């Protein structure tokens, strides 16, 4: 059995966390009355709108995004290459959402998904950590050589 690398663990853990967050968003007891009305937030889609755990503005579409990100993270954890691709894409996606969340005109993602308030620091933190695993952390030379040797022996069989 092959051992997982830190980037794969990151994708798996983030995947599980986002999957749980997505599920939690559909549990009414965990979604509190929003501090900002849907009209004030410029949300055209307000289904399921509220504050998850009283902290993070969400709606049904936001929950679906969390479920998708979570599922993709779990799927990407299968290999080092896919986990690095996932982490890089996650860094870019959540980095963009952080910037959009800082601009009042774009805090509702075209009226579909709320990305303001505590969402901003959460997105920035996710982007920063994902940047490390997607673009900075690299497998060492011994791991790359081992991978090439195992691929050659598998293809020769």
N, C-alpha and C. Protein backbone atom coordinates (compact mmCIF):
# COMPACT_ATOMS: atom_id res chain seq x y z
N UNK A 1 0.83 -1.18 0.00
CA UNK A 1 0.00 0.00 0.00
C UNK A 1 0.88 1.25 0.00
N UNK A 2 0.58 2.17 -0.91
CA UNK A 2 1.38 3.39 -1.00
C UNK A 2 0.99 4.35 0.10
N UNK A 3 2.02 5.05 0.62
CA UNK A 3 1.72 6.04 1.66
C UNK A 3 1.33 7.36 1.00
N UNK A 4 0.45 8.07 1.67
CA UNK A 4 0.00 9.36 1.16
C UNK A 4 1.03 10.43 1.50
N UNK A 5 1.10 11.43 0.64
CA UNK A 5 1.97 12.58 0.84
C UNK A 5 1.16 13.69 1.51
N UNK A 6 1.84 14.67 2.11
CA UNK A 6 1.12 15.76 2.80
C UNK A 6 0.09 16.47 1.90
N UNK A 7 0.40 16.66 0.63
CA UNK A 7 -0.55 17.31 -0.28
C UNK A 7 -1.82 16.50 -0.45
N UNK A 8 -1.68 15.18 -0.43
CA UNK A 8 -2.85 14.32 -0.52
C UNK A 8 -3.68 14.39 0.75
N UNK A 9 -3.01 14.45 1.90
CA UNK A 9 -3.73 14.60 3.17
C UNK A 9 -4.47 15.94 3.20
N UNK A 10 -3.81 16.99 2.69
CA UNK A 10 -4.47 18.29 2.65
C UNK A 10 -5.76 18.21 1.83
N UNK A 11 -5.67 17.64 0.63
CA UNK A 11 -6.86 17.53 -0.23
C UNK A 11 -7.95 16.72 0.45
N UNK A 12 -7.57 15.64 1.11
CA UNK A 12 -8.54 14.79 1.79
C UNK A 12 -9.19 15.52 2.97
N UNK A 13 -8.39 16.17 3.79
CA UNK A 13 -8.93 16.87 4.97
C UNK A 13 -9.80 18.04 4.54
N UNK A 14 -9.33 18.85 3.59
CA UNK A 14 -10.13 19.97 3.11
C UNK A 14 -11.41 19.45 2.45
N UNK A 15 -11.29 18.37 1.71
CA UNK A 15 -12.46 17.78 1.08
C UNK A 15 -13.50 17.36 2.11
N UNK A 16 -13.06 16.69 3.15
CA UNK A 16 -13.99 16.25 4.20
C UNK A 16 -14.60 17.46 4.91
N UNK A 17 -13.77 18.47 5.22
CA UNK A 17 -14.29 19.67 5.90
C UNK A 17 -15.34 20.38 5.05
N UNK A 18 -15.04 20.58 3.77
CA UNK A 18 -16.01 21.27 2.92
C UNK A 18 -17.27 20.44 2.71
N UNK A 19 -17.12 19.15 2.63
CA UNK A 19 -18.30 18.28 2.53
C UNK A 19 -19.17 18.43 3.78
N UNK A 20 -18.55 18.42 4.94
CA UNK A 20 -19.30 18.60 6.19
C UNK A 20 -19.95 19.98 6.26
N UNK A 21 -19.22 21.01 5.85
CA UNK A 21 -19.77 22.37 5.86
C UNK A 21 -20.97 22.45 4.91
N UNK A 22 -20.85 21.83 3.75
CA UNK A 22 -21.96 21.81 2.80
C UNK A 22 -23.19 21.12 3.37
N UNK A 23 -22.98 20.02 4.05
CA UNK A 23 -24.09 19.29 4.68
C UNK A 23 -24.69 20.12 5.81
N UNK A 24 -23.83 20.72 6.62
CA UNK A 24 -24.30 21.54 7.74
C UNK A 24 -25.19 22.69 7.27
N UNK A 25 -24.89 23.23 6.10
CA UNK A 25 -25.67 24.33 5.56
C UNK A 25 -27.11 23.96 5.25
N UNK A 26 -27.40 22.69 5.11
CA UNK A 26 -28.76 22.23 4.85
C UNK A 26 -29.51 21.84 6.13
N UNK A 27 -28.86 21.95 7.28
CA UNK A 27 -29.49 21.61 8.56
C UNK A 27 -30.00 22.91 9.19
N UNK A 28 -31.31 23.11 9.19
CA UNK A 28 -31.89 24.38 9.68
C UNK A 28 -31.44 24.79 11.09
N UNK A 29 -31.23 23.84 11.97
CA UNK A 29 -30.83 24.18 13.34
C UNK A 29 -29.46 24.84 13.40
N UNK A 30 -28.64 24.64 12.36
CA UNK A 30 -27.29 25.21 12.33
C UNK A 30 -27.22 26.53 11.58
N UNK A 31 -28.33 26.91 10.94
CA UNK A 31 -28.36 28.15 10.16
C UNK A 31 -29.21 29.16 10.92
N UNK A 32 -28.57 30.23 11.34
CA UNK A 32 -29.25 31.27 12.14
C UNK A 32 -29.79 32.37 11.23
N UNK A 33 -30.66 33.18 11.80
CA UNK A 33 -31.20 34.34 11.09
C UNK A 33 -30.02 35.21 10.64
N UNK A 34 -29.98 35.62 9.36
CA UNK A 34 -28.84 36.41 8.88
C UNK A 34 -28.78 37.80 9.52
N UNK A 35 -27.56 38.27 9.70
CA UNK A 35 -27.37 39.62 10.25
C UNK A 35 -27.61 40.68 9.19
N UNK A 36 -27.48 40.31 7.92
CA UNK A 36 -27.71 41.22 6.80
C UNK A 36 -28.85 40.65 5.97
N UNK A 37 -29.86 41.46 5.68
CA UNK A 37 -31.00 40.96 4.91
C UNK A 37 -30.57 40.62 3.49
N UNK A 38 -31.34 39.75 2.84
CA UNK A 38 -31.02 39.36 1.46
C UNK A 38 -31.05 40.56 0.54
N UNK A 39 -31.97 41.48 0.76
CA UNK A 39 -32.03 42.69 -0.06
C UNK A 39 -30.79 43.56 0.14
N UNK A 40 -30.39 43.74 1.39
CA UNK A 40 -29.20 44.55 1.68
C UNK A 40 -27.94 43.91 1.12
N UNK A 41 -27.93 42.58 1.05
CA UNK A 41 -26.77 41.86 0.52
C UNK A 41 -26.81 41.76 -1.01
N UNK A 42 -27.86 42.31 -1.62
CA UNK A 42 -28.04 42.26 -3.08
C UNK A 42 -28.13 40.84 -3.61
N UNK A 43 -28.79 39.98 -2.86
CA UNK A 43 -28.95 38.59 -3.28
C UNK A 43 -30.25 38.42 -4.06
N UNK A 44 -30.15 37.99 -5.29
CA UNK A 44 -31.34 37.68 -6.07
C UNK A 44 -31.86 36.30 -5.73
N UNK A 45 -30.95 35.41 -5.32
CA UNK A 45 -31.33 34.06 -4.91
C UNK A 45 -31.16 33.99 -3.41
N UNK A 46 -32.27 33.85 -2.68
CA UNK A 46 -32.19 33.86 -1.22
C UNK A 46 -32.66 32.56 -0.58
N UNK A 47 -32.82 31.50 -1.38
CA UNK A 47 -33.24 30.21 -0.83
C UNK A 47 -32.22 29.68 0.15
N UNK A 48 -32.66 29.43 1.38
CA UNK A 48 -31.77 28.88 2.41
C UNK A 48 -30.80 29.91 2.96
N UNK A 49 -31.06 31.19 2.70
CA UNK A 49 -30.14 32.23 3.15
C UNK A 49 -30.15 32.36 4.67
N UNK A 50 -28.97 32.43 5.25
CA UNK A 50 -28.81 32.58 6.69
C UNK A 50 -27.34 32.57 7.04
N UNK A 51 -27.04 32.56 8.32
CA UNK A 51 -25.66 32.52 8.78
C UNK A 51 -25.36 31.16 9.39
N UNK A 52 -24.49 30.39 8.74
CA UNK A 52 -24.10 29.08 9.26
C UNK A 52 -23.37 29.28 10.58
N UNK A 53 -23.86 28.61 11.62
CA UNK A 53 -23.33 28.72 12.98
C UNK A 53 -23.36 30.16 13.49
N UNK A 54 -24.19 30.99 12.87
CA UNK A 54 -24.29 32.39 13.25
C UNK A 54 -23.11 33.23 12.80
N UNK A 55 -22.23 32.67 11.96
CA UNK A 55 -20.99 33.35 11.56
C UNK A 55 -20.82 33.60 10.07
N UNK A 56 -21.19 32.60 9.26
CA UNK A 56 -20.86 32.64 7.85
C UNK A 56 -22.12 32.72 6.98
N UNK A 57 -22.25 33.78 6.16
CA UNK A 57 -23.43 33.89 5.31
C UNK A 57 -23.43 32.80 4.23
N UNK A 58 -24.56 32.09 4.11
CA UNK A 58 -24.68 31.02 3.13
C UNK A 58 -26.08 31.04 2.52
N UNK A 59 -26.25 30.28 1.46
CA UNK A 59 -27.57 29.96 0.92
C UNK A 59 -27.44 28.59 0.26
N UNK A 60 -28.51 28.10 -0.36
CA UNK A 60 -28.47 26.76 -0.94
C UNK A 60 -27.38 26.61 -2.00
N UNK A 61 -27.22 27.62 -2.85
CA UNK A 61 -26.19 27.55 -3.89
C UNK A 61 -24.79 27.48 -3.26
N UNK A 62 -24.60 28.23 -2.20
CA UNK A 62 -23.32 28.23 -1.49
C UNK A 62 -23.04 26.83 -0.93
N UNK A 63 -24.07 26.20 -0.40
CA UNK A 63 -23.92 24.84 0.13
C UNK A 63 -23.52 23.87 -0.97
N UNK A 64 -24.10 24.02 -2.14
CA UNK A 64 -23.77 23.14 -3.27
C UNK A 64 -22.31 23.34 -3.69
N UNK A 65 -21.84 24.60 -3.66
CA UNK A 65 -20.42 24.86 -3.96
C UNK A 65 -19.55 24.15 -2.94
N UNK A 66 -19.90 24.25 -1.66
CA UNK A 66 -19.11 23.57 -0.62
C UNK A 66 -19.11 22.06 -0.81
N UNK A 67 -20.25 21.49 -1.14
CA UNK A 67 -20.32 20.04 -1.39
C UNK A 67 -19.46 19.65 -2.58
N UNK A 68 -19.48 20.45 -3.63
CA UNK A 68 -18.68 20.16 -4.82
C UNK A 68 -17.19 20.24 -4.52
N UNK A 69 -16.77 21.31 -3.84
CA UNK A 69 -15.36 21.46 -3.46
C UNK A 69 -14.93 20.30 -2.57
N UNK A 70 -15.79 19.90 -1.66
CA UNK A 70 -15.48 18.78 -0.78
C UNK A 70 -15.34 17.47 -1.52
N UNK A 71 -16.29 17.19 -2.39
CA UNK A 71 -16.25 15.95 -3.17
C UNK A 71 -14.99 15.91 -4.03
N UNK A 72 -14.67 17.02 -4.69
CA UNK A 72 -13.48 17.08 -5.55
C UNK A 72 -12.20 16.89 -4.73
N UNK A 73 -12.17 17.43 -3.51
CA UNK A 73 -11.00 17.26 -2.66
C UNK A 73 -10.77 15.81 -2.28
N UNK A 74 -11.83 15.14 -1.91
CA UNK A 74 -11.72 13.72 -1.57
C UNK A 74 -11.27 12.92 -2.78
N UNK A 75 -11.85 13.22 -3.92
CA UNK A 75 -11.48 12.54 -5.17
C UNK A 75 -10.01 12.83 -5.53
N UNK A 76 -9.58 14.07 -5.36
CA UNK A 76 -8.21 14.46 -5.73
C UNK A 76 -7.16 13.85 -4.81
N UNK A 77 -7.54 13.45 -3.63
CA UNK A 77 -6.57 12.91 -2.68
C UNK A 77 -6.04 11.54 -3.11
N UNK A 78 -6.57 10.99 -4.16
CA UNK A 78 -6.15 9.67 -4.63
C UNK A 78 -4.69 9.65 -5.07
N UNK A 79 -4.24 10.73 -5.74
CA UNK A 79 -2.85 10.77 -6.20
C UNK A 79 -2.23 12.12 -5.88
N UNK A 80 -0.90 12.14 -5.84
CA UNK A 80 -0.19 13.37 -5.54
C UNK A 80 -0.42 14.42 -6.63
N UNK A 81 -0.40 13.99 -7.88
CA UNK A 81 -0.61 14.93 -8.99
C UNK A 81 -1.98 15.58 -8.95
N UNK A 82 -3.01 14.77 -8.72
CA UNK A 82 -4.36 15.34 -8.69
C UNK A 82 -4.56 16.20 -7.44
N UNK A 83 -3.92 15.85 -6.34
CA UNK A 83 -4.07 16.68 -5.14
C UNK A 83 -3.36 18.02 -5.31
N UNK A 84 -2.24 18.03 -6.03
CA UNK A 84 -1.54 19.30 -6.30
C UNK A 84 -2.37 20.16 -7.25
N UNK A 85 -2.96 19.55 -8.26
CA UNK A 85 -3.82 20.30 -9.18
C UNK A 85 -5.02 20.87 -8.44
N UNK A 86 -5.64 20.07 -7.60
CA UNK A 86 -6.78 20.51 -6.79
C UNK A 86 -6.38 21.68 -5.90
N UNK A 87 -5.25 21.54 -5.21
CA UNK A 87 -4.79 22.59 -4.30
C UNK A 87 -4.51 23.89 -5.04
N UNK A 88 -3.88 23.79 -6.21
CA UNK A 88 -3.61 24.98 -7.01
C UNK A 88 -4.89 25.66 -7.47
N UNK A 89 -5.83 24.87 -7.95
CA UNK A 89 -7.12 25.42 -8.41
C UNK A 89 -7.88 26.02 -7.23
N UNK A 90 -7.83 25.36 -6.08
CA UNK A 90 -8.49 25.85 -4.87
C UNK A 90 -7.89 27.20 -4.46
N UNK A 91 -6.57 27.30 -4.53
CA UNK A 91 -5.89 28.56 -4.18
C UNK A 91 -6.35 29.70 -5.08
N UNK A 92 -6.41 29.44 -6.38
CA UNK A 92 -6.84 30.48 -7.31
C UNK A 92 -8.31 30.84 -7.11
N UNK A 93 -9.15 29.83 -6.95
CA UNK A 93 -10.59 30.04 -6.79
C UNK A 93 -10.89 30.83 -5.52
N UNK A 94 -10.35 30.38 -4.39
CA UNK A 94 -10.63 31.06 -3.13
C UNK A 94 -9.88 32.39 -3.02
N UNK A 95 -8.76 32.53 -3.69
CA UNK A 95 -8.09 33.83 -3.75
C UNK A 95 -8.96 34.84 -4.47
N UNK A 96 -9.55 34.41 -5.58
CA UNK A 96 -10.47 35.28 -6.33
C UNK A 96 -11.69 35.63 -5.49
N UNK A 97 -12.26 34.64 -4.81
CA UNK A 97 -13.42 34.91 -3.95
C UNK A 97 -13.08 35.87 -2.81
N UNK A 98 -11.85 35.80 -2.30
CA UNK A 98 -11.42 36.74 -1.26
C UNK A 98 -11.45 38.16 -1.79
N UNK A 99 -10.88 38.34 -2.98
CA UNK A 99 -10.86 39.68 -3.59
C UNK A 99 -12.27 40.17 -3.87
N UNK A 100 -13.11 39.30 -4.44
CA UNK A 100 -14.49 39.68 -4.73
C UNK A 100 -15.25 40.03 -3.45
N UNK A 101 -14.95 39.34 -2.37
CA UNK A 101 -15.61 39.59 -1.09
C UNK A 101 -15.24 40.92 -0.48
N UNK A 102 -14.09 41.46 -0.88
CA UNK A 102 -13.65 42.75 -0.37
C UNK A 102 -14.28 43.93 -1.11
N UNK A 103 -14.84 43.67 -2.28
CA UNK A 103 -15.43 44.73 -3.11
C UNK A 103 -16.94 44.71 -2.91
N UNK A 104 -17.52 45.77 -2.36
CA UNK A 104 -18.96 45.77 -2.06
C UNK A 104 -19.85 45.40 -3.26
N UNK A 105 -19.50 45.82 -4.44
CA UNK A 105 -20.35 45.54 -5.61
C UNK A 105 -20.35 44.06 -6.00
N UNK A 106 -19.36 43.30 -5.57
CA UNK A 106 -19.27 41.89 -5.97
C UNK A 106 -19.45 40.91 -4.80
N UNK A 107 -19.89 41.41 -3.65
CA UNK A 107 -20.02 40.56 -2.47
C UNK A 107 -21.18 39.58 -2.54
N UNK A 108 -21.99 39.67 -3.57
CA UNK A 108 -23.10 38.73 -3.70
C UNK A 108 -22.90 37.80 -4.89
N UNK A 109 -21.72 37.81 -5.49
CA UNK A 109 -21.41 36.96 -6.64
C UNK A 109 -22.54 37.00 -7.67
N UNK A 110 -22.79 38.19 -8.17
CA UNK A 110 -23.84 38.44 -9.18
C UNK A 110 -25.24 38.11 -8.65
N UNK A 111 -25.43 38.23 -7.36
CA UNK A 111 -26.73 38.00 -6.76
C UNK A 111 -27.03 36.56 -6.40
N UNK A 112 -26.06 35.68 -6.55
CA UNK A 112 -26.31 34.25 -6.32
C UNK A 112 -25.80 33.74 -4.98
N UNK A 113 -24.57 34.10 -4.61
CA UNK A 113 -23.94 33.51 -3.43
C UNK A 113 -23.32 34.61 -2.56
N UNK A 114 -23.65 34.63 -1.26
CA UNK A 114 -23.05 35.65 -0.39
C UNK A 114 -21.59 35.32 -0.05
N UNK A 115 -20.70 36.28 -0.26
CA UNK A 115 -19.27 36.08 0.06
C UNK A 115 -18.73 37.30 0.81
N UNK A 116 -19.38 37.68 1.87
CA UNK A 116 -18.95 38.84 2.65
C UNK A 116 -18.80 38.44 4.11
N UNK A 117 -18.42 39.39 4.95
CA UNK A 117 -18.28 39.12 6.38
C UNK A 117 -17.17 38.13 6.68
N UNK A 118 -17.46 37.18 7.55
CA UNK A 118 -16.45 36.19 7.95
C UNK A 118 -16.01 35.28 6.81
N UNK A 119 -16.78 35.25 5.74
CA UNK A 119 -16.38 34.46 4.57
C UNK A 119 -15.03 34.92 4.03
N UNK A 120 -14.76 36.21 4.13
CA UNK A 120 -13.54 36.77 3.53
C UNK A 120 -12.29 36.17 4.16
N UNK A 121 -12.20 36.19 5.49
CA UNK A 121 -10.99 35.64 6.11
C UNK A 121 -10.92 34.13 5.95
N UNK A 122 -12.07 33.47 5.91
CA UNK A 122 -12.08 32.03 5.70
C UNK A 122 -11.57 31.69 4.29
N UNK A 123 -12.02 32.44 3.29
CA UNK A 123 -11.55 32.22 1.92
C UNK A 123 -10.07 32.55 1.80
N UNK A 124 -9.62 33.63 2.45
CA UNK A 124 -8.20 34.00 2.38
C UNK A 124 -7.32 32.93 3.02
N UNK A 125 -7.75 32.40 4.15
CA UNK A 125 -6.98 31.34 4.83
C UNK A 125 -6.91 30.08 3.97
N UNK A 126 -8.04 29.71 3.39
CA UNK A 126 -8.08 28.53 2.52
C UNK A 126 -7.15 28.73 1.33
N UNK A 127 -7.20 29.92 0.72
CA UNK A 127 -6.35 30.20 -0.44
C UNK A 127 -4.87 30.15 -0.07
N UNK A 128 -4.52 30.70 1.08
CA UNK A 128 -3.11 30.72 1.50
C UNK A 128 -2.57 29.31 1.72
N UNK A 129 -3.33 28.49 2.43
CA UNK A 129 -2.88 27.13 2.70
C UNK A 129 -2.84 26.31 1.41
N UNK A 130 -3.85 26.48 0.58
CA UNK A 130 -3.89 25.74 -0.69
C UNK A 130 -2.75 26.18 -1.61
N UNK A 131 -2.34 27.44 -1.53
CA UNK A 131 -1.20 27.92 -2.33
C UNK A 131 0.05 27.14 -1.97
N UNK A 132 0.25 26.91 -0.71
CA UNK A 132 1.42 26.15 -0.28
C UNK A 132 1.42 24.75 -0.89
N UNK A 133 0.31 24.03 -0.74
CA UNK A 133 0.26 22.65 -1.23
C UNK A 133 0.14 22.56 -2.74
N UNK A 134 -0.39 23.58 -3.38
CA UNK A 134 -0.55 23.55 -4.83
C UNK A 134 0.65 24.06 -5.61
N UNK A 135 1.39 25.03 -5.04
CA UNK A 135 2.45 25.68 -5.80
C UNK A 135 3.82 25.67 -5.15
N UNK A 136 3.89 25.51 -3.85
CA UNK A 136 5.18 25.63 -3.16
C UNK A 136 5.75 24.28 -2.76
N UNK A 137 4.98 23.49 -2.03
CA UNK A 137 5.46 22.17 -1.58
C UNK A 137 5.64 21.26 -2.78
N UNK A 138 6.81 20.68 -2.87
CA UNK A 138 7.08 19.77 -3.99
C UNK A 138 7.62 18.46 -3.44
N UNK A 139 7.38 17.38 -4.18
CA UNK A 139 7.96 16.11 -3.74
C UNK A 139 9.48 16.18 -3.89
N UNK A 140 10.20 15.52 -2.99
CA UNK A 140 11.66 15.58 -3.10
C UNK A 140 12.14 14.66 -4.22
N UNK A 141 13.41 14.80 -4.58
CA UNK A 141 13.98 14.06 -5.70
C UNK A 141 13.86 12.55 -5.51
N UNK A 142 14.05 12.06 -4.29
CA UNK A 142 13.95 10.62 -4.03
C UNK A 142 12.54 10.11 -4.32
N UNK A 143 11.53 10.90 -3.97
CA UNK A 143 10.15 10.48 -4.25
C UNK A 143 9.88 10.44 -5.74
N UNK A 144 10.40 11.45 -6.48
CA UNK A 144 10.20 11.46 -7.93
C UNK A 144 10.90 10.29 -8.60
N UNK A 145 12.13 10.00 -8.16
CA UNK A 145 12.88 8.88 -8.72
C UNK A 145 12.17 7.57 -8.42
N UNK A 146 11.70 7.41 -7.20
CA UNK A 146 10.98 6.21 -6.80
C UNK A 146 9.72 6.03 -7.65
N UNK A 147 9.02 7.12 -7.90
CA UNK A 147 7.81 7.07 -8.70
C UNK A 147 8.12 6.64 -10.13
N UNK A 148 9.19 7.21 -10.73
CA UNK A 148 9.56 6.84 -12.10
C UNK A 148 9.96 5.38 -12.18
N UNK A 149 10.72 4.91 -11.19
CA UNK A 149 11.14 3.50 -11.19
C UNK A 149 9.95 2.57 -11.06
N UNK A 150 9.00 2.92 -10.20
CA UNK A 150 7.82 2.06 -10.03
C UNK A 150 6.95 2.07 -11.28
N UNK A 151 6.89 3.22 -11.96
CA UNK A 151 6.11 3.30 -13.20
C UNK A 151 6.76 2.44 -14.29
N UNK A 152 8.09 2.49 -14.37
CA UNK A 152 8.81 1.68 -15.37
C UNK A 152 8.63 0.19 -15.11
N UNK A 153 8.73 -0.21 -13.84
CA UNK A 153 8.58 -1.63 -13.55
C UNK A 153 7.15 -2.10 -13.78
N UNK A 154 6.18 -1.23 -13.55
CA UNK A 154 4.79 -1.60 -13.78
C UNK A 154 4.50 -1.71 -15.27
N UNK A 155 5.11 -0.84 -16.08
CA UNK A 155 4.86 -0.88 -17.52
C UNK A 155 5.59 -2.04 -18.18
N UNK A 156 6.71 -2.52 -17.59
CA UNK A 156 7.45 -3.63 -18.17
C UNK A 156 6.80 -4.98 -17.83
N UNK A 157 5.90 -5.00 -16.87
CA UNK A 157 5.23 -6.26 -16.50
C UNK A 157 4.08 -6.53 -17.36
